[in-house]
């Protein structure tokens, strides 16, 4: 039977890494799909990484406060007159993937 390792995938954080790849790919797909909406009805979609945030999910061991983790999402939502869609961001910067 084929497994992650016999298929050449890393044994470390494989499920997490694949899920992030899917989120990024789906963001691009949805951005393309939503770009066909008429003016005034367009929806812009992006994804971002909040970093390692101090929450129950990380056992409170994260480096960022929740407010810091939310900063890029708020920044993206409030970009004035800049229509960015289908991109991935971290710390208010576009990240290539």
N, C-alpha and C. Protein backbone atom coordinates (compact mmCIF):
# COMPACT_ATOMS: atom_id res chain seq x y z
N UNK A 1 0.83 -1.17 0.00
CA UNK A 1 0.00 0.00 0.00
C UNK A 1 0.88 1.24 0.00
N UNK A 2 0.49 2.22 -0.78
CA UNK A 2 1.21 3.49 -0.88
C UNK A 2 0.97 4.33 0.38
N UNK A 3 2.00 5.00 0.85
CA UNK A 3 1.87 5.90 2.00
C UNK A 3 2.54 7.22 1.65
N UNK A 4 2.45 8.18 2.56
CA UNK A 4 3.10 9.47 2.33
C UNK A 4 4.59 9.29 2.05
N UNK A 5 5.25 8.48 2.88
CA UNK A 5 6.70 8.36 2.76
C UNK A 5 7.09 7.58 1.51
N UNK A 6 6.37 6.53 1.17
CA UNK A 6 6.71 5.78 -0.05
C UNK A 6 6.43 6.61 -1.29
N UNK A 7 5.55 7.59 -1.15
CA UNK A 7 5.26 8.51 -2.26
C UNK A 7 6.24 9.66 -2.34
N UNK A 8 7.22 9.72 -1.42
CA UNK A 8 8.24 10.76 -1.45
C UNK A 8 7.92 12.00 -0.64
N UNK A 9 6.82 11.98 0.14
CA UNK A 9 6.44 13.13 0.95
C UNK A 9 7.17 13.09 2.29
N UNK A 10 7.33 14.27 2.86
CA UNK A 10 7.95 14.38 4.17
C UNK A 10 7.08 13.71 5.23
N UNK A 11 7.70 13.22 6.29
CA UNK A 11 6.97 12.63 7.40
C UNK A 11 6.57 13.70 8.42
N UNK A 12 7.08 14.91 8.29
CA UNK A 12 6.86 15.97 9.27
C UNK A 12 5.81 16.95 8.75
N UNK A 13 4.72 17.10 9.50
CA UNK A 13 3.67 18.08 9.19
C UNK A 13 3.08 17.92 7.79
N UNK A 14 3.06 16.73 7.24
CA UNK A 14 2.57 16.53 5.89
C UNK A 14 1.11 16.94 5.74
N UNK A 15 0.25 16.49 6.66
CA UNK A 15 -1.17 16.85 6.55
C UNK A 15 -1.36 18.35 6.62
N UNK A 16 -0.66 19.00 7.52
CA UNK A 16 -0.75 20.46 7.66
C UNK A 16 -0.29 21.15 6.38
N UNK A 17 0.85 20.72 5.85
CA UNK A 17 1.40 21.34 4.65
C UNK A 17 0.47 21.19 3.46
N UNK A 18 -0.09 20.01 3.29
CA UNK A 18 -1.01 19.78 2.18
C UNK A 18 -2.27 20.63 2.35
N UNK A 19 -2.75 20.76 3.58
CA UNK A 19 -3.95 21.58 3.81
C UNK A 19 -3.67 23.04 3.45
N UNK A 20 -2.48 23.54 3.74
CA UNK A 20 -2.14 24.93 3.40
C UNK A 20 -2.03 25.09 1.88
N UNK A 21 -1.48 24.10 1.20
CA UNK A 21 -1.41 24.12 -0.25
C UNK A 21 -2.81 24.20 -0.85
N UNK A 22 -3.74 23.41 -0.31
CA UNK A 22 -5.11 23.40 -0.81
C UNK A 22 -5.78 24.74 -0.56
N UNK A 23 -5.58 25.34 0.61
CA UNK A 23 -6.17 26.65 0.90
C UNK A 23 -5.67 27.68 -0.11
N UNK A 24 -4.38 27.68 -0.40
CA UNK A 24 -3.82 28.63 -1.37
C UNK A 24 -4.35 28.38 -2.77
N UNK A 25 -4.41 27.13 -3.18
CA UNK A 25 -4.94 26.80 -4.52
C UNK A 25 -6.41 27.18 -4.63
N UNK A 26 -7.19 26.90 -3.61
CA UNK A 26 -8.61 27.23 -3.63
C UNK A 26 -8.83 28.74 -3.65
N UNK A 27 -7.98 29.48 -2.95
CA UNK A 27 -8.05 30.94 -2.98
C UNK A 27 -7.85 31.45 -4.40
N UNK A 28 -6.87 30.92 -5.10
CA UNK A 28 -6.63 31.33 -6.49
C UNK A 28 -7.80 30.96 -7.39
N UNK A 29 -8.32 29.75 -7.20
CA UNK A 29 -9.46 29.29 -7.99
C UNK A 29 -10.67 30.20 -7.77
N UNK A 30 -10.97 30.50 -6.52
CA UNK A 30 -12.13 31.34 -6.22
C UNK A 30 -11.92 32.77 -6.72
N UNK A 31 -10.71 33.28 -6.63
CA UNK A 31 -10.43 34.62 -7.13
C UNK A 31 -10.70 34.68 -8.63
N UNK A 32 -10.28 33.67 -9.36
CA UNK A 32 -10.53 33.61 -10.80
C UNK A 32 -12.02 33.50 -11.08
N UNK A 33 -12.72 32.65 -10.36
CA UNK A 33 -14.15 32.47 -10.55
C UNK A 33 -14.91 33.76 -10.24
N UNK A 34 -14.56 34.41 -9.14
CA UNK A 34 -15.27 35.62 -8.72
C UNK A 34 -14.90 36.85 -9.54
N UNK A 35 -13.81 36.77 -10.29
CA UNK A 35 -13.40 37.93 -11.11
C UNK A 35 -14.37 38.16 -12.26
N UNK A 36 -15.19 37.17 -12.58
CA UNK A 36 -16.16 37.31 -13.66
C UNK A 36 -17.43 38.04 -13.24
N UNK A 37 -17.56 38.37 -11.97
CA UNK A 37 -18.75 39.09 -11.49
C UNK A 37 -18.77 40.49 -12.10
N UNK A 38 -19.96 41.03 -12.33
CA UNK A 38 -20.04 42.40 -12.88
C UNK A 38 -19.52 43.43 -11.88
N UNK A 39 -19.10 44.58 -12.42
CA UNK A 39 -18.63 45.67 -11.56
C UNK A 39 -19.69 46.00 -10.52
N UNK A 40 -19.26 46.33 -9.33
CA UNK A 40 -20.18 46.63 -8.25
C UNK A 40 -20.61 45.40 -7.48
N UNK A 41 -20.32 44.22 -8.03
CA UNK A 41 -20.67 42.97 -7.36
C UNK A 41 -19.45 42.06 -7.18
N UNK A 42 -18.28 42.59 -7.50
CA UNK A 42 -17.06 41.78 -7.39
C UNK A 42 -16.74 41.47 -5.94
N UNK A 43 -16.18 40.30 -5.75
CA UNK A 43 -15.71 39.86 -4.44
C UNK A 43 -14.23 39.55 -4.59
N UNK A 44 -13.43 40.12 -3.71
CA UNK A 44 -11.99 39.90 -3.73
C UNK A 44 -11.65 38.96 -2.59
N UNK A 45 -10.83 37.95 -2.89
CA UNK A 45 -10.53 36.92 -1.90
C UNK A 45 -9.03 36.69 -1.84
N UNK A 46 -8.52 36.63 -0.63
CA UNK A 46 -7.10 36.37 -0.39
C UNK A 46 -6.99 35.45 0.82
N UNK A 47 -5.81 34.92 1.04
CA UNK A 47 -5.57 34.16 2.27
C UNK A 47 -4.29 34.71 2.90
N UNK A 48 -4.14 34.41 4.18
CA UNK A 48 -2.96 34.91 4.87
C UNK A 48 -2.58 33.97 6.01
N UNK A 49 -1.36 34.13 6.45
CA UNK A 49 -0.84 33.36 7.58
C UNK A 49 -0.75 34.29 8.78
N UNK A 50 -1.43 33.98 9.87
CA UNK A 50 -1.36 34.84 11.05
C UNK A 50 -0.08 34.64 11.85
N UNK A 51 0.69 33.63 11.50
CA UNK A 51 1.88 33.30 12.27
C UNK A 51 1.53 32.36 13.42
N UNK A 52 2.49 32.14 14.28
CA UNK A 52 2.32 31.24 15.43
C UNK A 52 1.71 32.08 16.56
N UNK A 53 0.39 31.96 16.73
CA UNK A 53 -0.35 32.83 17.63
C UNK A 53 -0.60 32.15 18.97
N UNK A 54 -0.49 32.91 20.03
CA UNK A 54 -0.75 32.41 21.39
C UNK A 54 -2.25 32.19 21.58
N UNK A 55 -2.68 30.97 21.32
CA UNK A 55 -4.09 30.60 21.50
C UNK A 55 -4.13 29.19 22.09
N UNK A 56 -5.32 28.73 22.41
CA UNK A 56 -5.48 27.37 22.92
C UNK A 56 -5.00 26.35 21.88
N UNK A 57 -5.16 26.67 20.59
CA UNK A 57 -4.74 25.76 19.53
C UNK A 57 -3.23 25.49 19.57
N UNK A 58 -2.45 26.48 19.97
CA UNK A 58 -1.00 26.31 20.04
C UNK A 58 -0.53 26.00 21.46
N UNK A 59 -1.47 25.74 22.36
CA UNK A 59 -1.10 25.50 23.75
C UNK A 59 -0.50 26.74 24.38
N UNK A 60 -0.90 27.90 23.88
CA UNK A 60 -0.42 29.20 24.37
C UNK A 60 1.08 29.39 24.18
N UNK A 61 1.66 28.62 23.25
CA UNK A 61 3.11 28.70 23.05
C UNK A 61 3.49 29.55 21.84
N UNK A 62 2.53 30.19 21.22
CA UNK A 62 2.82 31.00 20.04
C UNK A 62 3.68 32.21 20.35
N UNK A 63 4.17 32.83 19.30
CA UNK A 63 5.03 34.02 19.43
C UNK A 63 4.22 35.31 19.34
N UNK A 64 3.04 35.26 18.68
CA UNK A 64 2.25 36.47 18.44
C UNK A 64 1.01 36.49 19.31
N UNK A 65 0.61 37.68 19.72
CA UNK A 65 -0.67 37.86 20.39
C UNK A 65 -1.77 37.74 19.34
N UNK A 66 -2.98 37.39 19.74
CA UNK A 66 -4.08 37.29 18.76
C UNK A 66 -4.26 38.56 17.93
N UNK A 67 -4.08 39.71 18.56
CA UNK A 67 -4.21 40.98 17.83
C UNK A 67 -3.18 41.08 16.72
N UNK A 68 -1.98 40.60 16.98
CA UNK A 68 -0.92 40.61 15.96
C UNK A 68 -1.25 39.63 14.84
N UNK A 69 -1.80 38.49 15.20
CA UNK A 69 -2.19 37.51 14.21
C UNK A 69 -3.29 38.01 13.28
N UNK A 70 -4.17 38.86 13.81
CA UNK A 70 -5.28 39.40 13.02
C UNK A 70 -4.88 40.61 12.19
N UNK A 71 -3.72 41.18 12.44
CA UNK A 71 -3.32 42.44 11.80
C UNK A 71 -3.39 42.37 10.28
N UNK A 72 -2.83 41.35 9.66
CA UNK A 72 -2.80 41.28 8.20
C UNK A 72 -4.20 41.13 7.63
N UNK A 73 -5.07 40.38 8.28
CA UNK A 73 -6.45 40.23 7.80
C UNK A 73 -7.17 41.57 7.81
N UNK A 74 -7.02 42.33 8.88
CA UNK A 74 -7.66 43.64 8.98
C UNK A 74 -7.07 44.58 7.93
N UNK A 75 -5.78 44.57 7.78
CA UNK A 75 -5.10 45.40 6.79
C UNK A 75 -5.62 45.09 5.39
N UNK A 76 -5.73 43.81 5.04
CA UNK A 76 -6.26 43.42 3.72
C UNK A 76 -7.69 43.89 3.52
N UNK A 77 -8.51 43.72 4.55
CA UNK A 77 -9.92 44.09 4.44
C UNK A 77 -10.11 45.58 4.27
N UNK A 78 -9.15 46.37 4.73
CA UNK A 78 -9.29 47.83 4.71
C UNK A 78 -8.43 48.52 3.65
N UNK A 79 -7.85 47.76 2.73
CA UNK A 79 -7.04 48.39 1.68
C UNK A 79 -7.92 49.34 0.86
N UNK A 80 -7.58 50.62 0.82
CA UNK A 80 -8.41 51.56 0.08
C UNK A 80 -8.11 51.51 -1.42
N UNK A 81 -9.13 51.30 -2.19
CA UNK A 81 -9.04 51.36 -3.66
C UNK A 81 -7.95 50.47 -4.26
N UNK A 82 -7.60 49.41 -3.57
CA UNK A 82 -6.65 48.45 -4.13
C UNK A 82 -7.37 47.11 -4.20
N UNK A 83 -7.55 46.64 -5.39
CA UNK A 83 -8.30 45.42 -5.58
C UNK A 83 -7.34 44.27 -5.80
N UNK A 84 -7.00 43.62 -4.72
CA UNK A 84 -6.06 42.51 -4.71
C UNK A 84 -6.86 41.23 -4.51
N UNK A 85 -6.61 40.24 -5.32
CA UNK A 85 -7.37 39.00 -5.17
C UNK A 85 -6.52 37.80 -5.61
N UNK A 86 -6.71 36.69 -4.91
CA UNK A 86 -6.01 35.45 -5.26
C UNK A 86 -4.59 35.38 -4.76
N UNK A 87 -4.26 36.14 -3.74
CA UNK A 87 -2.89 36.21 -3.24
C UNK A 87 -2.79 35.65 -1.82
N UNK A 88 -1.57 35.36 -1.41
CA UNK A 88 -1.28 34.87 -0.07
C UNK A 88 -0.38 35.89 0.62
N UNK A 89 -0.71 36.24 1.87
CA UNK A 89 0.01 37.27 2.61
C UNK A 89 0.46 36.78 3.97
N UNK A 90 1.50 37.41 4.47
CA UNK A 90 1.96 37.25 5.85
C UNK A 90 2.64 38.56 6.23
N UNK A 91 2.36 39.04 7.41
CA UNK A 91 2.95 40.28 7.91
C UNK A 91 2.83 41.44 6.92
N UNK A 92 1.62 41.57 6.34
CA UNK A 92 1.30 42.64 5.39
C UNK A 92 2.12 42.61 4.12
N UNK A 93 2.67 41.45 3.77
CA UNK A 93 3.43 41.31 2.54
C UNK A 93 2.92 40.13 1.75
N UNK A 94 2.91 40.28 0.42
CA UNK A 94 2.54 39.15 -0.44
C UNK A 94 3.66 38.12 -0.40
N UNK A 95 3.26 36.86 -0.26
CA UNK A 95 4.21 35.75 -0.24
C UNK A 95 3.94 34.87 -1.46
N UNK A 96 4.98 34.56 -2.21
CA UNK A 96 4.83 33.67 -3.36
C UNK A 96 4.71 32.23 -2.88
N UNK A 97 3.89 31.48 -3.56
CA UNK A 97 3.78 30.05 -3.24
C UNK A 97 3.66 29.25 -4.49
